[in-house]
Amino acid sequence: MSIKILVAVDLSKFSEALVQYGHELAHRLNVQVDFIHVLPHASLFRGYEPWLPPEVSVEVREIAQKKISYWLRKAEEVNPRPSEHQHRIIVEEGVPSDTVISQAKSGGYNLIVVGHQGHSALEYLFVGSTTTSIARHAHCSVLIFRPGLEVL
């Protein structure tokens, strides 16, 4: 059985450290690691849909892809990965917790790595905790990363 890790990246201020940790963890365990970022549905911005041109979604996807790629390049400079363990960057649209859980299950991942804190406290109150939802409902183990407290 090959082990696969899925790292959920929300592009918050802690995300660079999360990407580096996911890369390092996979390197130490000599396993595959992929990174996922989930864009919220435009329908979450009720009332604004007509004002959002379709190309905005494409641009936001490209920005997320480039940002994660940049952080991965930095992580690989510190700790190069063997060529047999390539990674993928997945950018999806949907409800973040549901999409991460669905991708982890359909992709056969054995571990999901998430950050302990994402965006603002206000977002937490309205949206709920993505990390908590993933930890409660995922089919596999979930590692909650806290910058500065790494054990591996």
C-alpha atoms as a PDB file:
ATOM      1  CA  MET A   1       0.000   0.000   0.000  1.00  0.00           C
ATOM      2  CA  SER A   2       1.429   3.359  -0.977  1.00  0.00           C
ATOM      3  CA  ILE A   3       0.911   6.173   1.483  1.00  0.00           C
ATOM      4  CA  LYS A   4      -0.386   9.513   0.232  1.00  0.00           C
ATOM      5  CA  ILE A   5      -0.654  12.822   2.076  1.00  0.00           C
ATOM      6  CA  LEU A   6      -3.034  15.640   1.151  1.00  0.00           C
ATOM      7  CA  VAL A   7      -2.161  19.098   2.501  1.00  0.00           C
ATOM      8  CA  ALA A   8      -5.055  21.580   2.584  1.00  0.00           C
ATOM      9  CA  VAL A   9      -3.769  25.108   1.948  1.00  0.00           C
ATOM     10  CA  ASP A  10      -5.999  28.156   2.479  1.00  0.00           C
ATOM     11  CA  LEU A  11      -3.452  30.852   1.464  1.00  0.00           C
ATOM     12  CA  SER A  12      -3.594  32.508   4.901  1.00  0.00           C
ATOM     13  CA  LYS A  13      -0.463  33.877   6.565  1.00  0.00           C
ATOM     14  CA  PHE A  14       0.387  30.416   7.972  1.00  0.00           C
ATOM     15  CA  SER A  15       0.154  28.634   4.634  1.00  0.00           C
ATOM     16  CA  GLU A  16       3.785  28.954   3.585  1.00  0.00           C
ATOM     17  CA  ALA A  17       4.888  27.174   6.775  1.00  0.00           C
ATOM     18  CA  LEU A  18       2.170  24.548   6.206  1.00  0.00           C
ATOM     19  CA  VAL A  19       3.387  23.862   2.653  1.00  0.00           C
ATOM     20  CA  GLN A  20       6.968  23.590   3.882  1.00  0.00           C
ATOM     21  CA  TYR A  21       5.910  21.217   6.674  1.00  0.00           C
ATOM     22  CA  GLY A  22       3.869  19.020   4.324  1.00  0.00           C
ATOM     23  CA  HIS A  23       6.814  18.832   1.945  1.00  0.00           C
ATOM     24  CA  GLU A  24       9.218  17.992   4.777  1.00  0.00           C
ATOM     25  CA  LEU A  25       6.890  15.369   6.280  1.00  0.00           C
ATOM     26  CA  ALA A  26       6.506  13.605   2.935  1.00  0.00           C
ATOM     27  CA  HIS A  27      10.263  13.775   2.372  1.00  0.00           C
ATOM     28  CA  ARG A  28      11.019  12.209   5.756  1.00  0.00           C
ATOM     29  CA  LEU A  29       8.417   9.475   5.282  1.00  0.00           C
ATOM     30  CA  ASN A  30       9.355   9.027   1.608  1.00  0.00           C
ATOM     31  CA  VAL A  31       5.726   9.259   0.452  1.00  0.00           C
ATOM     32  CA  GLN A  32       3.664  11.173  -2.092  1.00  0.00           C
ATOM     33  CA  VAL A  33       2.275  14.570  -1.077  1.00  0.00           C
ATOM     34  CA  ASP A  34      -0.287  16.683  -2.895  1.00  0.00           C
ATOM     35  CA  PHE A  35      -1.571  20.144  -2.037  1.00  0.00           C
ATOM     36  CA  ILE A  36      -5.159  21.337  -2.352  1.00  0.00           C
ATOM     37  CA  HIS A  37      -6.665  24.810  -2.245  1.00  0.00           C
ATOM     38  CA  VAL A  38     -10.432  25.251  -2.347  1.00  0.00           C
ATOM     39  CA  LEU A  39     -12.029  28.389  -3.742  1.00  0.00           C
ATOM     40  CA  PRO A  40     -15.436  29.193  -2.282  1.00  0.00           C
ATOM     41  CA  HIS A  41     -18.372  29.026  -4.705  1.00  0.00           C
ATOM     42  CA  ALA A  42     -19.338  32.401  -6.157  1.00  0.00           C
ATOM     43  CA  SER A  43     -22.789  31.687  -4.732  1.00  0.00           C
ATOM     44  CA  LEU A  44     -21.365  32.390  -1.269  1.00  0.00           C
ATOM     45  CA  PHE A  45     -21.180  36.018  -2.314  1.00  0.00           C
ATOM     46  CA  ARG A  46     -24.936  36.339  -2.775  1.00  0.00           C
ATOM     47  CA  GLY A  47     -25.934  39.466  -4.611  1.00  0.00           C
ATOM     48  CA  TYR A  48     -22.517  39.860  -6.221  1.00  0.00           C
ATOM     49  CA  GLU A  49     -22.701  37.075  -8.816  1.00  0.00           C
ATOM     50  CA  PRO A  50     -23.781  39.346 -11.709  1.00  0.00           C
ATOM     51  CA  TRP A  51     -20.841  41.642 -11.016  1.00  0.00           C
ATOM     52  CA  LEU A  52     -18.243  38.891 -11.055  1.00  0.00           C
ATOM     53  CA  PRO A  53     -16.960  38.260 -14.572  1.00  0.00           C
ATOM     54  CA  PRO A  54     -16.208  34.587 -15.371  1.00  0.00           C
ATOM     55  CA  GLU A  55     -12.509  35.302 -15.840  1.00  0.00           C
ATOM     56  CA  VAL A  56     -12.209  36.192 -12.138  1.00  0.00           C
ATOM     57  CA  SER A  57     -12.472  32.499 -11.237  1.00  0.00           C
ATOM     58  CA  VAL A  58      -9.722  31.626 -13.721  1.00  0.00           C
ATOM     59  CA  GLU A  59      -7.471  34.399 -12.388  1.00  0.00           C
ATOM     60  CA  VAL A  60      -7.993  33.380  -8.771  1.00  0.00           C
ATOM     61  CA  ARG A  61      -7.183  29.742  -9.632  1.00  0.00           C
ATOM     62  CA  GLU A  62      -3.965  30.848 -11.340  1.00  0.00           C
ATOM     63  CA  ILE A  63      -2.970  33.010  -8.369  1.00  0.00           C
ATOM     64  CA  ALA A  64      -3.527  30.118  -5.941  1.00  0.00           C
ATOM     65  CA  GLN A  65      -1.551  27.750  -8.179  1.00  0.00           C
ATOM     66  CA  LYS A  66       1.355  30.207  -8.500  1.00  0.00           C
ATOM     67  CA  LYS A  67       1.465  30.975  -4.777  1.00  0.00           C
ATOM     68  CA  ILE A  68       1.572  27.313  -3.757  1.00  0.00           C
ATOM     69  CA  SER A  69       4.119  26.558  -6.512  1.00  0.00           C
ATOM     70  CA  TYR A  70       6.332  29.359  -5.212  1.00  0.00           C
ATOM     71  CA  TRP A  71       6.176  28.033  -1.642  1.00  0.00           C
ATOM     72  CA  LEU A  72       6.960  24.520  -2.906  1.00  0.00           C
ATOM     73  CA  ARG A  73       9.993  25.749  -4.850  1.00  0.00           C
ATOM     74  CA  LYS A  74      11.272  27.376  -1.664  1.00  0.00           C
ATOM     75  CA  ALA A  75      10.686  24.158   0.315  1.00  0.00           C
ATOM     76  CA  GLU A  76      12.454  22.094  -2.365  1.00  0.00           C
ATOM     77  CA  GLU A  77      15.497  24.363  -2.233  1.00  0.00           C
ATOM     78  CA  VAL A  78      15.864  23.422   1.423  1.00  0.00           C
ATOM     79  CA  ASN A  79      14.947  19.758   0.965  1.00  0.00           C
ATOM     80  CA  PRO A  80      14.922  18.406  -2.621  1.00  0.00           C
ATOM     81  CA  ARG A  81      12.429  15.572  -3.274  1.00  0.00           C
ATOM     82  CA  PRO A  82      13.389  12.355  -5.061  1.00  0.00           C
ATOM     83  CA  SER A  83      11.997  12.300  -8.594  1.00  0.00           C
ATOM     84  CA  GLU A  84       9.793   9.256  -7.906  1.00  0.00           C
ATOM     85  CA  HIS A  85       7.696  11.347  -5.505  1.00  0.00           C
ATOM     86  CA  GLN A  86       6.211  14.146  -7.541  1.00  0.00           C
ATOM     87  CA  HIS A  87       3.500  16.323  -6.083  1.00  0.00           C
ATOM     88  CA  ARG A  88       0.350  17.817  -7.520  1.00  0.00           C
ATOM     89  CA  ILE A  89      -1.335  21.104  -6.787  1.00  0.00           C
ATOM     90  CA  ILE A  90      -5.112  20.785  -6.879  1.00  0.00           C
ATOM     91  CA  VAL A  91      -7.313  23.878  -7.035  1.00  0.00           C
ATOM     92  CA  GLU A  92     -11.033  23.170  -6.718  1.00  0.00           C
ATOM     93  CA  GLU A  93     -14.170  25.208  -6.138  1.00  0.00           C
ATOM     94  CA  GLY A  94     -16.663  24.356  -3.408  1.00  0.00           C
ATOM     95  CA  VAL A  95     -17.171  24.223   0.329  1.00  0.00           C
ATOM     96  CA  PRO A  96     -13.584  23.878   1.641  1.00  0.00           C
ATOM     97  CA  SER A  97     -14.134  21.127   4.234  1.00  0.00           C
ATOM     98  CA  ASP A  98     -16.433  19.054   2.008  1.00  0.00           C
ATOM     99  CA  THR A  99     -14.139  19.397  -1.001  1.00  0.00           C
ATOM    100  CA  VAL A 100     -10.990  18.440   0.934  1.00  0.00           C
ATOM    101  CA  ILE A 101     -12.728  15.408   2.463  1.00  0.00           C
ATOM    102  CA  SER A 102     -14.118  14.333  -0.914  1.00  0.00           C
ATOM    103  CA  GLN A 103     -10.741  14.720  -2.646  1.00  0.00           C
ATOM    104  CA  ALA A 104      -8.987  12.803   0.140  1.00  0.00           C
ATOM    105  CA  LYS A 105     -11.428   9.918  -0.129  1.00  0.00           C
ATOM    106  CA  SER A 106     -11.575   9.726  -3.927  1.00  0.00           C
ATOM    107  CA  GLY A 107      -7.801  10.154  -4.224  1.00  0.00           C
ATOM    108  CA  GLY A 108      -7.022   7.394  -1.721  1.00  0.00           C
ATOM    109  CA  TYR A 109      -5.137   9.635   0.705  1.00  0.00           C
ATOM    110  CA  ASN A 110      -4.097   8.196   4.069  1.00  0.00           C
ATOM    111  CA  LEU A 111      -3.502  11.495   5.859  1.00  0.00           C
ATOM    112  CA  ILE A 112      -4.812  15.044   5.585  1.00  0.00           C
ATOM    113  CA  VAL A 113      -2.649  17.859   6.942  1.00  0.00           C
ATOM    114  CA  VAL A 114      -4.432  21.115   7.792  1.00  0.00           C
ATOM    115  CA  GLY A 115      -3.455  24.332   9.535  1.00  0.00           C
ATOM    116  CA  HIS A 116      -4.741  25.032  13.023  1.00  0.00           C
ATOM    117  CA  GLN A 117      -5.809  28.526  12.073  1.00  0.00           C
ATOM    118  CA  GLY A 118      -6.835  29.996   8.772  1.00  0.00           C
ATOM    119  CA  HIS A 119      -8.393  33.315   8.086  1.00  0.00           C
ATOM    120  CA  SER A 120     -10.086  35.726  10.484  1.00  0.00           C
ATOM    121  CA  ALA A 121     -12.038  35.055  13.669  1.00  0.00           C
ATOM    122  CA  LEU A 122     -15.042  36.673  11.985  1.00  0.00           C
ATOM    123  CA  GLU A 123     -14.885  34.086   9.214  1.00  0.00           C
ATOM    124  CA  TYR A 124     -14.730  31.361  11.871  1.00  0.00           C
ATOM    125  CA  LEU A 125     -17.952  32.633  13.454  1.00  0.00           C
ATOM    126  CA  PHE A 126     -19.850  32.762  10.168  1.00  0.00           C
ATOM    127  CA  VAL A 127     -18.434  29.855   8.241  1.00  0.00           C
ATOM    128  CA  GLY A 128     -17.354  27.523  11.034  1.00  0.00           C
ATOM    129  CA  SER A 129     -14.007  25.868  11.332  1.00  0.00           C
ATOM    130  CA  THR A 130     -12.831  24.074   8.224  1.00  0.00           C
ATOM    131  CA  THR A 131     -10.190  22.295  10.292  1.00  0.00           C
ATOM    132  CA  THR A 132     -12.750  21.059  12.826  1.00  0.00           C
ATOM    133  CA  SER A 133     -15.080  19.828  10.106  1.00  0.00           C
ATOM    134  CA  ILE A 134     -12.281  17.973   8.316  1.00  0.00           C
ATOM    135  CA  ALA A 135     -11.072  16.409  11.579  1.00  0.00           C
ATOM    136  CA  ARG A 136     -14.587  15.228  12.454  1.00  0.00           C
ATOM    137  CA  HIS A 137     -15.703  13.893   9.092  1.00  0.00           C
ATOM    138  CA  ALA A 138     -12.619  12.687   7.197  1.00  0.00           C
ATOM    139  CA  HIS A 139     -12.303   8.988   6.405  1.00  0.00           C
ATOM    140  CA  CYS A 140      -8.601   9.061   7.296  1.00  0.00           C
ATOM    141  CA  SER A 141      -6.300  10.511   9.946  1.00  0.00           C
ATOM    142  CA  VAL A 142      -5.937  14.294  10.153  1.00  0.00           C
ATOM    143  CA  LEU A 143      -2.810  16.066  11.361  1.00  0.00           C
ATOM    144  CA  ILE A 144      -3.367  19.626  12.581  1.00  0.00           C
ATOM    145  CA  PHE A 145      -0.238  21.712  12.008  1.00  0.00           C
ATOM    146  CA  ARG A 146       0.848  24.519  14.346  1.00  0.00           C
ATOM    147  CA  PRO A 147       3.819  26.591  13.149  1.00  0.00           C
ATOM    148  CA  GLY A 148       6.774  26.354  15.514  1.00  0.00           C
ATOM    149  CA  LEU A 149       5.552  23.154  17.180  1.00  0.00           C
ATOM    150  CA  GLU A 150       6.591  20.587  14.565  1.00  0.00           C
ATOM    151  CA  VAL A 151       7.439  17.116  15.862  1.00  0.00           C
ATOM    152  CA  LEU A 152       8.540  15.515  12.585  1.00  0.00           C
END
